[in-house]
Amino acid sequence: MTSNDRQRQGTPRRRRRKRPGDDPLERRVQSDGNLTYFDDIRNSTSVAVEIRPDVSAVQRINGSFRLAHILSMFPSNMTDESNLLGVSVELGAFLAVQHFNARSGVVLPHLPERLKDCDVYFTMDLLDTGASPTTAVLELLERIPEPPSLAFPSPLGIVGAGNSVTSESLSIIGAVNNVAQTSCCATSQELDDKTQHPFFSRTVPSNLGNARAAALYYQSLGITHLASLHVDDVFGVEFFRLFAEEAEKLDIDVFSVSYRLNFDDSVREAVQQIKSSKRKFVFGMFYPEDIIRIADIASQAGIMGQDGYVWILGEGGDLLNLTTTAEKRPRLLNATNGMGWIALEVDPSERYNAALESFKEDPELQEYYLSRKVSTVRIGIAISYQNYTCRLTLDFARIIGCSTGVRLESAVEFFTCIRSRLCLVELRCCHCHGYSCV
C-alpha cells in the first residue's frame, strides 16, 4: 500500500456549513455540501463504474457523470522561506479544482455558464517532487496502474512541474502513457519540440522570451559590457545560450561563468571570476532556492549590494526569498541594494485575491487541502494566480469538449483541444508579452 493509498483511505468525510451569499463552493453538484464527495466515490464499492478499456483516464459514474483524475506535481514539502514557490503554485491548482467542481464563478464569472452542459468532475492528488526529476518520474509511474480502477485511476493530466528539467522528464513519461501536461513554471525551449513532448503545454513563454526581454532591458540602460552567472544544468545552459545570442544582436559583450548545483566551492569560484572581470553589471540565471546561498557568498566577496554592483535576476530569481531571509540574517540586507528582477507582468485579479482571502479564512477548506497532500505545510502564503489559470487550462479544454460534443476520453483528444481552443477562454497568463523590471 502506497502513501497515496493510505491517504485516500484515511480521508474523513467533512460536511461544510451552509452559508448565505457568496460561498464559492455552495454549488457542488450532488455533493450535499461535502468537500470529499468525489474522493469518497473513488473509495466506494457501491457505485456503478463504466471504464472503456481503450481509454481509461475518464470513468462514468452511475451512468450520470464522468470522473477524471489529475496530479499536481511540484516541490511542495518544504517549509523554509526559500522553497515556498512550489507550495504556492500547488495551492493555486487545488483552488482551481475546487471552483471547477463547484461550478463556481467566484474568480471567473463565466465559468458556471461554460459548465452548464458539462458532466466532468475531478479528483486530485498533490504530490511533492522535491524538485527532483527522479522523484517525479517514480511518483508518476507509481500512479499509472495496470489495470486502472475507480480507486486507482490512470491520471488524465499533470499540473507541473516546478522546473524545466523535471517537466521534461515527466513529459516524456506522459507521452508514452497518454498523459497530458500543463505547466506554469517550465520555460525550457526544449519543451517546444513536439516530437519529444507531444502532450506538453504551458501558460508562460519559453526562455527565449525571458532572454530577449533581459537583453533589451540592458540595451535600454546603455550597458555594453556585463557578466552573467548561470546554473550549470539544462535550464541554465540553455538560458545563457539564448541570452548571449540576444545580447550579441544588440552589441552587448557578456562575460559568462557558471556554477554547479549544491557545490558552494563552485559558487565561490564563479564569484571570484566575476570579481576579477571588473564588470559591475551582473545578470543571474539560477533557481529560487539558490539565491540565498549565492547572495551570501557574493556579498561577502564584495560584488553584491556594494561598490556599484548591479545584479538583475532573470527566470528563476526570487527577491521575496532573499528579502524574507534577510530579516533573519542581517548580513544579507545589503545584498538587496542595487538588485532587480526581470519578470513577466501579469495583471492582478481582484476576484482571485478575494478568493484567496476566503481560503485563508476557511480552516475547513485548508484542512481538506492538507488531506490531499502526502505531507503537510503551513497555510497563509500566497496562492499563484498563474497556476490557477494553468489548472483551468486543462479544465476549459474539457468544457469546450462537452459543449461541442467531443467525447474527450483520451489525453490525445484532450491535448488537441487545449492547443486548438486555448485562445478562446480568456486566460490572461497565456500572454507572452508585458515584461517589466521590478
Foldseek 3Di string as FASTA:
>chain_A
DDLLLVLLVPDDWDADDDDPDQPLQPQQPPQNRTPCSLSVVLVDPPWDWDADPVFGQWIDTNVQAIEGEEEEEEQQPDFALLRCPRVQLLVLLVVLLSNQNSQGCLFPVCSVVLCVLHRYHYDYFYEHQNPDLVSLVVVLVVLQDVVADSNRTRHQEYEDYQEQVNVLSVQQVCVVVQYAYEYAHYAAPVCVPCVRRVRYYYLEHHLLLQLLVVLVVCVVVVAAEAEEEFEPDRQGVRSVVSNCVNNVVVNHHYHYAYAYPPDLVRLLVRLVVRVVVVGQEYEYHYASSCPQSNLVNNVVVPRALDDNHAYEYIRRHDVSSQVVVCVVVVSSVSRPHNYKYKDADDDDGPSVVVVLVVCLVDVVVVVVVCSSYSHDYDDDDHHDNSSSVSSVLLVVLSSVCSVVVNPPSTSVSSSVSSVPCVVPPPDRSNDHDRIDMD
